[in-house]
Protein backbone atom coordinates (compact mmCIF):
# COMPACT_ATOMS: atom_id res chain seq x y z
CA MET A 1 -2.30 -79.30 33.69
CA THR A 2 -3.57 -78.19 37.07
CA SER A 3 -7.21 -77.64 37.94
CA ASP A 4 -6.50 -73.94 38.53
CA PHE A 5 -5.20 -73.57 34.98
CA VAL A 6 -8.29 -75.27 33.57
CA LEU A 7 -10.66 -73.28 35.76
CA TYR A 8 -9.08 -69.84 35.71
CA GLY A 9 -7.12 -70.06 32.48
CA LEU A 10 -9.16 -72.03 29.98
CA GLY A 11 -12.46 -71.38 31.80
CA ARG A 12 -11.94 -67.64 31.77
CA TRP A 13 -10.84 -67.73 28.13
CA LEU A 14 -13.98 -69.70 27.22
CA HIS A 15 -16.15 -67.28 29.23
CA ILE A 16 -14.64 -64.25 27.51
CA MET A 17 -14.69 -65.70 23.98
CA ALA A 18 -18.29 -66.90 24.28
CA GLY A 19 -19.23 -63.53 25.79
CA VAL A 20 -17.60 -61.67 22.91
CA MET A 21 -19.58 -63.79 20.45
CA TRP A 22 -22.85 -63.32 22.38
CA ILE A 23 -22.58 -59.56 22.84
CA GLY A 24 -21.06 -59.07 19.39
CA LEU A 25 -24.04 -60.79 17.78
CA LEU A 26 -26.42 -58.85 20.04
CA TYR A 27 -24.89 -55.61 18.74
CA TYR A 28 -24.90 -56.92 15.16
CA PHE A 29 -28.63 -57.67 15.34
CA ASN A 30 -29.51 -54.34 16.95
CA PHE A 31 -27.17 -51.96 15.15
CA VAL A 32 -26.70 -53.60 11.74
CA GLN A 33 -29.29 -56.21 10.78
CA VAL A 34 -32.44 -54.36 11.91
CA ASP A 35 -31.67 -51.29 9.80
CA ALA A 36 -30.40 -53.41 6.90
CA LEU A 37 -33.68 -55.35 6.80
CA LYS A 38 -35.68 -52.11 6.89
CA ALA A 39 -33.68 -50.80 3.92
CA ALA A 40 -34.06 -54.12 2.08
CA ALA A 41 -37.83 -54.06 2.61
CA ALA A 42 -37.97 -50.59 1.02
CA ASP A 43 -36.25 -51.85 -2.16
CA THR A 44 -38.34 -52.47 -5.26
CA PRO A 45 -38.91 -55.36 -5.33
CA PRO A 46 -38.37 -55.96 -1.60
CA THR A 47 -35.23 -57.93 -0.81
CA GLY A 48 -33.71 -59.25 2.39
CA ALA A 49 -34.75 -62.87 1.96
CA GLY A 50 -31.10 -63.93 1.97
CA ILE A 51 -30.64 -62.42 5.41
CA THR A 52 -33.82 -63.85 6.90
CA LYS A 53 -33.41 -67.25 5.26
CA HIS A 54 -29.67 -67.85 5.59
CA VAL A 55 -27.90 -65.35 7.85
CA ALA A 56 -30.36 -64.74 10.70
CA PRO A 57 -31.07 -68.39 11.61
CA ARG A 58 -27.35 -69.20 11.66
CA ALA A 59 -26.49 -66.06 13.64
CA LEU A 60 -29.30 -66.79 16.10
CA PHE A 61 -27.92 -70.31 16.61
CA PHE A 62 -24.52 -68.95 17.65
CA PHE A 63 -26.18 -66.10 19.59
CA ARG A 64 -28.28 -68.32 21.84
CA TRP A 65 -25.65 -70.99 22.43
CA ALA A 66 -22.92 -68.42 23.09
CA ALA A 67 -25.25 -67.04 25.79
CA VAL A 68 -25.47 -70.48 27.42
CA VAL A 69 -21.72 -71.10 27.24
CA THR A 70 -20.97 -67.62 28.63
CA VAL A 71 -23.24 -68.12 31.64
CA LEU A 72 -22.12 -71.70 32.34
CA ALA A 73 -18.44 -70.79 32.05
CA GLY A 74 -18.97 -67.84 34.39
CA MET A 75 -20.66 -70.13 36.90
CA MET A 76 -17.82 -72.60 36.55
CA ILE A 77 -15.26 -69.87 37.29
CA LEU A 78 -17.17 -68.79 40.40
CA GLY A 79 -17.42 -72.41 41.52
CA ASP A 80 -18.33 -72.69 45.19
CA ARG A 81 -18.50 -68.88 45.37
CA LEU A 82 -21.49 -68.77 43.00
CA ASP A 83 -23.95 -68.40 45.86
CA ASP A 84 -21.77 -65.67 47.42
CA ALA A 85 -22.04 -63.73 44.15
CA LEU A 86 -25.70 -64.35 43.34
CA LEU A 87 -26.92 -63.84 46.91
CA PHE A 88 -24.51 -60.93 47.64
CA LYS A 89 -23.23 -62.75 50.75
CA GLU A 90 -19.83 -61.07 50.71
CA ARG A 91 -19.13 -57.47 49.80
CA ALA A 92 -16.27 -58.48 47.53
CA TYR A 93 -18.65 -60.49 45.34
CA VAL A 94 -21.30 -57.79 44.90
CA PRO A 95 -19.94 -56.40 41.59
CA ILE A 96 -19.58 -59.83 39.99
CA GLY A 97 -22.98 -60.77 41.45
CA ILE A 98 -24.62 -57.77 39.80
CA GLY A 99 -22.94 -58.66 36.50
CA ALA A 100 -24.02 -62.29 36.86
CA TRP A 101 -27.64 -61.34 37.53
CA LEU A 102 -27.66 -59.04 34.50
CA GLY A 103 -26.23 -61.92 32.42
CA LEU A 104 -28.90 -64.31 33.75
CA ILE A 105 -31.68 -61.85 32.88
CA MET A 106 -30.19 -61.48 29.40
CA LEU A 107 -29.98 -65.28 29.03
CA PHE A 108 -33.66 -65.52 30.00
CA ASN A 109 -34.52 -62.89 27.38
CA VAL A 110 -32.60 -64.80 24.70
CA TRP A 111 -34.23 -68.19 25.31
CA VAL A 112 -37.72 -67.21 26.51
CA LEU A 113 -38.49 -64.00 24.62
CA ILE A 114 -36.16 -63.51 21.64
CA TRP A 115 -35.66 -67.00 20.20
CA PRO A 116 -39.29 -68.25 20.31
CA ASN A 117 -40.46 -65.02 18.69
CA GLN A 118 -37.69 -65.00 16.08
CA LYS A 119 -38.77 -68.49 15.02
CA LYS A 120 -42.20 -67.04 14.19
CA ILE A 121 -40.75 -63.98 12.44
CA LEU A 122 -38.38 -66.07 10.29
CA GLY A 123 -41.01 -68.67 9.43
CA ILE A 124 -39.24 -71.49 11.27
CA VAL A 125 -42.56 -72.14 13.01
CA ALA A 126 -45.97 -71.37 11.58
CA ALA A 127 -47.54 -68.08 12.68
CA THR A 128 -50.29 -65.78 11.46
CA ASP A 129 -49.49 -62.23 10.37
CA GLU A 130 -50.94 -61.00 13.66
CA GLU A 131 -48.73 -63.40 15.64
CA LYS A 132 -45.70 -62.31 13.62
CA ALA A 133 -46.44 -58.64 14.32
CA LYS A 134 -46.66 -59.33 18.06
CA ALA A 135 -43.53 -61.51 17.88
CA ARG A 136 -41.60 -58.69 16.17
CA ARG A 137 -42.48 -56.28 18.98
CA VAL A 138 -41.62 -58.71 21.80
CA ALA A 139 -38.33 -59.77 20.18
CA PHE A 140 -37.43 -56.14 19.47
CA LEU A 141 -38.10 -55.00 23.04
CA ALA A 142 -36.28 -57.97 24.60
CA SER A 143 -33.30 -57.46 22.30
CA ARG A 144 -33.09 -53.72 23.00
CA THR A 145 -33.41 -54.46 26.72
CA ASN A 146 -30.42 -56.79 26.39
CA VAL A 147 -28.43 -54.04 24.65
CA MET A 148 -29.13 -51.71 27.56
CA LEU A 149 -28.35 -54.41 30.17
CA SER A 150 -25.13 -55.37 28.37
CA MET A 151 -23.45 -52.08 29.19
CA PRO A 152 -23.61 -52.30 33.00
CA MET A 153 -23.17 -56.08 32.77
CA LEU A 154 -19.86 -55.66 30.94
CA PHE A 155 -18.76 -53.06 33.47
CA PHE A 156 -19.49 -55.27 36.47
CA MET A 157 -18.15 -58.44 34.85
CA SER A 158 -14.83 -56.73 34.11
CA PHE A 159 -14.60 -55.19 37.58
CA SER A 160 -11.23 -56.68 38.57
CA ALA A 161 -10.54 -58.06 42.04
CA THR A 162 -7.92 -55.40 42.66
CA PHE A 163 -10.16 -52.55 41.54
CA HIS A 164 -13.21 -53.55 43.55
CA ARG A 165 -11.09 -54.32 46.64
CA ALA A 166 -9.62 -50.82 46.45
CA LEU A 167 -13.11 -49.30 46.26
CA LEU A 168 -14.99 -51.60 48.61
CA GLY A 169 -12.31 -52.37 51.16
């Protein structure tokens, strides 16, 4: 097994699979779970405890760690070209650099804004009703921001070497 196979074969596969899990769960939370919990809260008596007690914590575990694996695998693939991409040193690395920065912002949102607030919302850590209300808003806005950032991020991350060379020279 050569180092190129590990880096560009297995590394890319790991990056893509972790990214699919991360973005798939992001879309699940935003397009499925949020509305499902609203509908469950409107039931008489209110339901949804199964989701908040069993599904959400498990899904958030995979969500946040898939984010870490995606970013680390992407950095591994870039290797010594990471600074070229992140600092836009070479024109050829601008698209992947933009995608990488969007991914880093999304990773920040996951670990600094979404996860700490979800722990309050789900009762994993103690919080007052006022703190939970604020946590809901922050987590909601950070999550929706990630949905919006995911679209250009996916575009730039999938911008193939051949395609961007043809456009950028």
